[in-house]
């Protein structure tokens, strides 16, 4: 009986520490040191309406926007509640058809030559907010035409939203598609 009382007391103690005190302490530190990230890194449009998080991919399919990496999350796409990869292998017929359809869609917009894999293959999470500068450059002619601006002007905007490697050596250069597309909404359209 003594061991049972000790076990119950330890269970209650560790539940309070690990389930209450520790999460509150970590959340408090996060709010102090990283307030934007702790609140979800929400992004707003020009009217102040929250349009998404800079940490999560968002769906864009209109020609006047840069298209993100495809999502594999649930049937609705870009759903953080059902994130995850498709788990389909490279020889799966459904996977090959999906990738082939995405390639046809990109080719129909005028993209020629090699297509970066992130434009046709979903990531493991299905919610990546970034694509490579190469994937963005391939889309510049389509977006510039749809917006009625010069490709050179659009390239300058893209350059401002291209992030280098972290600390100069971690990761690869990248562009946050949501941030870039929200900036495009402030440019003059046709």
C-alpha atoms as a PDB file:
ATOM      1  CA  UNK A   1       0.000   0.000   0.000  1.00  0.00           C
ATOM      2  CA  UNK A   2       2.921   2.308   0.776  1.00  0.00           C
ATOM      3  CA  UNK A   3       4.284   1.850  -2.781  1.00  0.00           C
ATOM      4  CA  UNK A   4       0.848   2.642  -4.236  1.00  0.00           C
ATOM      5  CA  UNK A   5       0.614   5.923  -2.286  1.00  0.00           C
ATOM      6  CA  UNK A   6       4.138   6.851  -3.419  1.00  0.00           C
ATOM      7  CA  UNK A   7       3.286   6.031  -7.030  1.00  0.00           C
ATOM      8  CA  UNK A   8       0.083   8.109  -6.936  1.00  0.00           C
ATOM      9  CA  UNK A   9       1.907  11.034  -5.286  1.00  0.00           C
ATOM     10  CA  UNK A  10       4.680  10.878  -7.916  1.00  0.00           C
ATOM     11  CA  UNK A  11       2.087  10.693 -10.698  1.00  0.00           C
ATOM     12  CA  UNK A  12       0.297  13.803  -9.378  1.00  0.00           C
ATOM     13  CA  UNK A  13       3.566  15.669  -8.807  1.00  0.00           C
ATOM     14  CA  UNK A  14       4.955  14.954 -12.264  1.00  0.00           C
ATOM     15  CA  UNK A  15       1.590  15.670 -13.897  1.00  0.00           C
ATOM     16  CA  UNK A  16       1.590  19.130 -12.315  1.00  0.00           C
ATOM     17  CA  UNK A  17       5.228  19.781 -13.213  1.00  0.00           C
ATOM     18  CA  UNK A  18       5.252  18.303 -16.737  1.00  0.00           C
ATOM     19  CA  UNK A  19       1.653  19.057 -17.660  1.00  0.00           C
ATOM     20  CA  UNK A  20       1.309  22.512 -16.152  1.00  0.00           C
ATOM     21  CA  UNK A  21       4.354  24.322 -14.791  1.00  0.00           C
ATOM     22  CA  UNK A  22       6.825  23.377 -17.547  1.00  0.00           C
ATOM     23  CA  UNK A  23       4.491  24.219 -20.500  1.00  0.00           C
ATOM     24  CA  UNK A  24       3.550  27.540 -18.885  1.00  0.00           C
ATOM     25  CA  UNK A  25       7.209  28.422 -18.299  1.00  0.00           C
ATOM     26  CA  UNK A  26       8.233  27.544 -21.874  1.00  0.00           C
ATOM     27  CA  UNK A  27       5.260  29.452 -23.315  1.00  0.00           C
ATOM     28  CA  UNK A  28       6.072  32.475 -21.139  1.00  0.00           C
ATOM     29  CA  UNK A  29       9.706  32.501 -22.267  1.00  0.00           C
ATOM     30  CA  UNK A  30       8.604  32.121 -25.904  1.00  0.00           C
ATOM     31  CA  UNK A  31       6.219  35.089 -25.609  1.00  0.00           C
ATOM     32  CA  UNK A  32       9.006  37.211 -24.143  1.00  0.00           C
ATOM     33  CA  UNK A  33      11.802  36.207 -26.534  1.00  0.00           C
ATOM     34  CA  UNK A  34       9.816  35.455 -29.725  1.00  0.00           C
ATOM     35  CA  UNK A  35       6.412  37.157 -29.454  1.00  0.00           C
ATOM     36  CA  UNK A  36       5.508  36.960 -33.150  1.00  0.00           C
ATOM     37  CA  UNK A  37       6.416  33.300 -33.509  1.00  0.00           C
ATOM     38  CA  UNK A  38       4.733  32.361 -30.222  1.00  0.00           C
ATOM     39  CA  UNK A  39       1.494  33.901 -31.467  1.00  0.00           C
ATOM     40  CA  UNK A  40       1.593  31.934 -34.738  1.00  0.00           C
ATOM     41  CA  UNK A  41       3.530  34.264 -37.104  1.00  0.00           C
ATOM     42  CA  UNK A  42       0.249  35.471 -38.576  1.00  0.00           C
ATOM     43  CA  UNK A  43       0.350  37.636 -41.696  1.00  0.00           C
ATOM     44  CA  UNK A  44      -2.231  40.232 -42.650  1.00  0.00           C
ATOM     45  CA  UNK A  45      -3.270  41.694 -45.976  1.00  0.00           C
ATOM     46  CA  UNK A  46      -3.531  45.424 -46.719  1.00  0.00           C
ATOM     47  CA  UNK A  47      -6.911  45.624 -44.977  1.00  0.00           C
ATOM     48  CA  UNK A  48      -5.505  44.096 -41.783  1.00  0.00           C
ATOM     49  CA  UNK A  49      -7.280  40.756 -42.258  1.00  0.00           C
ATOM     50  CA  UNK A  50      -5.252  37.706 -41.179  1.00  0.00           C
ATOM     51  CA  UNK A  51      -4.543  35.652 -44.303  1.00  0.00           C
ATOM     52  CA  UNK A  52      -2.289  32.935 -42.913  1.00  0.00           C
ATOM     53  CA  UNK A  53       0.924  32.153 -41.122  1.00  0.00           C
ATOM     54  CA  UNK A  54       4.390  32.649 -42.558  1.00  0.00           C
ATOM     55  CA  UNK A  55       5.228  29.227 -41.110  1.00  0.00           C
ATOM     56  CA  UNK A  56       2.626  27.304 -43.147  1.00  0.00           C
ATOM     57  CA  UNK A  57       2.095  26.916 -46.866  1.00  0.00           C
ATOM     58  CA  UNK A  58      -1.051  28.478 -48.310  1.00  0.00           C
ATOM     59  CA  UNK A  59      -2.946  27.555 -51.477  1.00  0.00           C
ATOM     60  CA  UNK A  60      -2.527  29.866 -54.481  1.00  0.00           C
ATOM     61  CA  UNK A  61      -3.630  28.858 -57.970  1.00  0.00           C
ATOM     62  CA  UNK A  62      -4.521  32.111 -59.754  1.00  0.00           C
ATOM     63  CA  UNK A  63      -2.078  33.122 -62.511  1.00  0.00           C
ATOM     64  CA  UNK A  64      -1.264  36.451 -60.840  1.00  0.00           C
ATOM     65  CA  UNK A  65       0.259  34.692 -57.826  1.00  0.00           C
ATOM     66  CA  UNK A  66       3.343  32.587 -57.323  1.00  0.00           C
ATOM     67  CA  UNK A  67       2.335  28.986 -56.741  1.00  0.00           C
ATOM     68  CA  UNK A  68       3.652  27.210 -53.669  1.00  0.00           C
ATOM     69  CA  UNK A  69       4.862  23.687 -53.230  1.00  0.00           C
ATOM     70  CA  UNK A  70       1.913  21.280 -53.570  1.00  0.00           C
ATOM     71  CA  UNK A  71       0.365  19.995 -50.375  1.00  0.00           C
ATOM     72  CA  UNK A  72      -0.187  16.352 -49.524  1.00  0.00           C
ATOM     73  CA  UNK A  73      -2.257  17.142 -46.448  1.00  0.00           C
ATOM     74  CA  UNK A  74      -5.768  15.695 -46.531  1.00  0.00           C
ATOM     75  CA  UNK A  75      -8.224  15.997 -49.391  1.00  0.00           C
ATOM     76  CA  UNK A  76      -8.606  19.745 -48.841  1.00  0.00           C
ATOM     77  CA  UNK A  77      -4.902  20.606 -49.130  1.00  0.00           C
ATOM     78  CA  UNK A  78      -2.797  22.875 -46.919  1.00  0.00           C
ATOM     79  CA  UNK A  79      -4.722  21.751 -43.832  1.00  0.00           C
ATOM     80  CA  UNK A  80      -2.426  21.863 -40.773  1.00  0.00           C
ATOM     81  CA  UNK A  81      -4.774  19.516 -38.919  1.00  0.00           C
ATOM     82  CA  UNK A  82      -4.014  16.751 -41.407  1.00  0.00           C
ATOM     83  CA  UNK A  83      -0.424  17.444 -42.335  1.00  0.00           C
ATOM     84  CA  UNK A  84       1.774  14.701 -43.627  1.00  0.00           C
ATOM     85  CA  UNK A  85       3.162  13.226 -46.771  1.00  0.00           C
ATOM     86  CA  UNK A  86       1.350  10.901 -49.116  1.00  0.00           C
ATOM     87  CA  UNK A  87       3.688   7.993 -48.272  1.00  0.00           C
ATOM     88  CA  UNK A  88       3.476   6.991 -51.936  1.00  0.00           C
ATOM     89  CA  UNK A  89       6.655   5.582 -53.423  1.00  0.00           C
ATOM     90  CA  UNK A  90       8.236   6.767 -56.683  1.00  0.00           C
ATOM     91  CA  UNK A  91       6.704   3.874 -58.632  1.00  0.00           C
ATOM     92  CA  UNK A  92       3.157   4.260 -57.278  1.00  0.00           C
ATOM     93  CA  UNK A  93       0.809   4.807 -60.290  1.00  0.00           C
ATOM     94  CA  UNK A  94      -1.353   7.360 -58.445  1.00  0.00           C
ATOM     95  CA  UNK A  95       1.723   9.315 -57.398  1.00  0.00           C
ATOM     96  CA  UNK A  96       3.131   9.274 -60.923  1.00  0.00           C
ATOM     97  CA  UNK A  97      -0.207  10.467 -62.335  1.00  0.00           C
ATOM     98  CA  UNK A  98      -0.380  13.307 -59.779  1.00  0.00           C
ATOM     99  CA  UNK A  99       3.161  14.457 -60.565  1.00  0.00           C
ATOM    100  CA  UNK A 100       2.487  14.153 -64.316  1.00  0.00           C
ATOM    101  CA  UNK A 101      -0.659  16.268 -64.007  1.00  0.00           C
ATOM    102  CA  UNK A 102       1.268  18.939 -62.103  1.00  0.00           C
ATOM    103  CA  UNK A 103       3.957  18.980 -64.791  1.00  0.00           C
ATOM    104  CA  UNK A 104       1.289  19.370 -67.512  1.00  0.00           C
ATOM    105  CA  UNK A 105      -0.256  22.294 -65.604  1.00  0.00           C
ATOM    106  CA  UNK A 106       3.124  24.037 -65.345  1.00  0.00           C
ATOM    107  CA  UNK A 107       3.951  23.373 -69.005  1.00  0.00           C
ATOM    108  CA  UNK A 108       0.579  24.874 -70.000  1.00  0.00           C
ATOM    109  CA  UNK A 109       1.660  28.160 -68.367  1.00  0.00           C
ATOM    110  CA  UNK A 110       4.696  28.354 -70.645  1.00  0.00           C
ATOM    111  CA  UNK A 111       7.380  26.870 -68.410  1.00  0.00           C
ATOM    112  CA  UNK A 112       9.975  25.048 -70.487  1.00  0.00           C
ATOM    113  CA  UNK A 113      13.049  23.130 -69.481  1.00  0.00           C
ATOM    114  CA  UNK A 114      13.682  21.450 -66.143  1.00  0.00           C
ATOM    115  CA  UNK A 115      11.088  21.979 -63.422  1.00  0.00           C
ATOM    116  CA  UNK A 116      12.271  22.070 -59.794  1.00  0.00           C
ATOM    117  CA  UNK A 117      10.917  19.104 -57.880  1.00  0.00           C
ATOM    118  CA  UNK A 118       9.259  21.275 -55.239  1.00  0.00           C
ATOM    119  CA  UNK A 119       6.771  22.546 -57.825  1.00  0.00           C
ATOM    120  CA  UNK A 120       5.466  19.047 -58.549  1.00  0.00           C
ATOM    121  CA  UNK A 121       6.164  17.001 -55.412  1.00  0.00           C
ATOM    122  CA  UNK A 122       4.658  17.611 -51.990  1.00  0.00           C
ATOM    123  CA  UNK A 123       6.916  17.656 -48.966  1.00  0.00           C
ATOM    124  CA  UNK A 124       6.807  15.328 -45.999  1.00  0.00           C
ATOM    125  CA  UNK A 125       4.713  17.798 -43.999  1.00  0.00           C
ATOM    126  CA  UNK A 126       2.685  19.008 -46.958  1.00  0.00           C
ATOM    127  CA  UNK A 127       2.798  22.530 -45.541  1.00  0.00           C
ATOM    128  CA  UNK A 128       6.164  24.012 -46.534  1.00  0.00           C
ATOM    129  CA  UNK A 129       5.851  27.797 -46.880  1.00  0.00           C
ATOM    130  CA  UNK A 130       9.034  28.188 -48.957  1.00  0.00           C
ATOM    131  CA  UNK A 131      10.184  27.330 -52.447  1.00  0.00           C
ATOM    132  CA  UNK A 132      13.577  27.816 -54.053  1.00  0.00           C
ATOM    133  CA  UNK A 133      14.514  31.010 -55.903  1.00  0.00           C
ATOM    134  CA  UNK A 134      14.741  28.874 -59.074  1.00  0.00           C
ATOM    135  CA  UNK A 135      11.112  27.772 -58.669  1.00  0.00           C
ATOM    136  CA  UNK A 136      10.087  31.414 -58.262  1.00  0.00           C
ATOM    137  CA  UNK A 137      12.119  32.579 -61.280  1.00  0.00           C
ATOM    138  CA  UNK A 138      10.360  30.043 -63.510  1.00  0.00           C
ATOM    139  CA  UNK A 139       7.023  31.592 -62.568  1.00  0.00           C
ATOM    140  CA  UNK A 140       8.025  35.249 -63.097  1.00  0.00           C
ATOM    141  CA  UNK A 141       6.888  35.461 -66.768  1.00  0.00           C
ATOM    142  CA  UNK A 142       3.397  34.134 -65.930  1.00  0.00           C
ATOM    143  CA  UNK A 143       2.921  36.354 -62.875  1.00  0.00           C
ATOM    144  CA  UNK A 144       4.331  39.444 -64.617  1.00  0.00           C
ATOM    145  CA  UNK A 145       1.998  38.962 -67.591  1.00  0.00           C
ATOM    146  CA  UNK A 146      -1.045  38.404 -65.362  1.00  0.00           C
ATOM    147  CA  UNK A 147      -0.235  41.500 -63.298  1.00  0.00           C
ATOM    148  CA  UNK A 148       0.757  43.686 -66.238  1.00  0.00           C
ATOM    149  CA  UNK A 149       4.201  44.521 -64.873  1.00  0.00           C
ATOM    150  CA  UNK A 150       7.636  43.950 -66.316  1.00  0.00           C
ATOM    151  CA  UNK A 151       9.537  40.782 -65.457  1.00  0.00           C
ATOM    152  CA  UNK A 152      12.453  42.983 -64.349  1.00  0.00           C
ATOM    153  CA  UNK A 153      10.266  44.847 -61.848  1.00  0.00           C
ATOM    154  CA  UNK A 154       8.901  41.564 -60.540  1.00  0.00           C
ATOM    155  CA  UNK A 155      12.412  40.098 -60.295  1.00  0.00           C
ATOM    156  CA  UNK A 156      13.410  43.028 -58.070  1.00  0.00           C
ATOM    157  CA  UNK A 157      10.470  42.316 -55.763  1.00  0.00           C
ATOM    158  CA  UNK A 158      11.400  38.627 -55.645  1.00  0.00           C
ATOM    159  CA  UNK A 159      15.011  39.492 -54.790  1.00  0.00           C
ATOM    160  CA  UNK A 160      13.794  41.422 -51.737  1.00  0.00           C
ATOM    161  CA  UNK A 161      11.926  38.343 -50.495  1.00  0.00           C
ATOM    162  CA  UNK A 162      14.724  35.837 -51.071  1.00  0.00           C
ATOM    163  CA  UNK A 163      16.280  34.642 -47.823  1.00  0.00           C
ATOM    164  CA  UNK A 164      19.855  33.378 -47.787  1.00  0.00           C
ATOM    165  CA  UNK A 165      21.119  30.369 -45.888  1.00  0.00           C
ATOM    166  CA  UNK A 166      20.790  30.702 -42.133  1.00  0.00           C
ATOM    167  CA  UNK A 167      24.081  31.790 -40.603  1.00  0.00           C
ATOM    168  CA  UNK A 168      25.542  31.602 -44.114  1.00  0.00           C
ATOM    169  CA  UNK A 169      25.775  27.801 -44.220  1.00  0.00           C
ATOM    170  CA  UNK A 170      22.548  26.153 -43.008  1.00  0.00           C
ATOM    171  CA  UNK A 171      19.856  25.191 -45.504  1.00  0.00           C
ATOM    172  CA  UNK A 172      19.352  26.652 -48.940  1.00  0.00           C
ATOM    173  CA  UNK A 173      18.201  30.050 -50.229  1.00  0.00           C
ATOM    174  CA  UNK A 174      14.397  30.246 -50.155  1.00  0.00           C
ATOM    175  CA  UNK A 175      11.373  32.434 -50.794  1.00  0.00           C
ATOM    176  CA  UNK A 176       8.301  32.524 -48.541  1.00  0.00           C
ATOM    177  CA  UNK A 177       5.419  32.327 -51.021  1.00  0.00           C
ATOM    178  CA  UNK A 178       2.772  33.876 -48.743  1.00  0.00           C
ATOM    179  CA  UNK A 179       4.958  36.873 -47.887  1.00  0.00           C
ATOM    180  CA  UNK A 180       5.793  37.410 -51.564  1.00  0.00           C
ATOM    181  CA  UNK A 181       2.180  37.112 -52.721  1.00  0.00           C
ATOM    182  CA  UNK A 182       0.946  39.520 -50.032  1.00  0.00           C
ATOM    183  CA  UNK A 183       3.537  42.026 -51.258  1.00  0.00           C
ATOM    184  CA  UNK A 184       2.306  41.541 -54.826  1.00  0.00           C
ATOM    185  CA  UNK A 185      -1.158  42.609 -53.703  1.00  0.00           C
ATOM    186  CA  UNK A 186       0.253  46.050 -52.892  1.00  0.00           C
ATOM    187  CA  UNK A 187       1.624  46.507 -56.433  1.00  0.00           C
ATOM    188  CA  UNK A 188      -0.436  48.170 -59.138  1.00  0.00           C
ATOM    189  CA  UNK A 189      -2.407  45.751 -61.265  1.00  0.00           C
ATOM    190  CA  UNK A 190      -3.681  46.226 -64.776  1.00  0.00           C
END
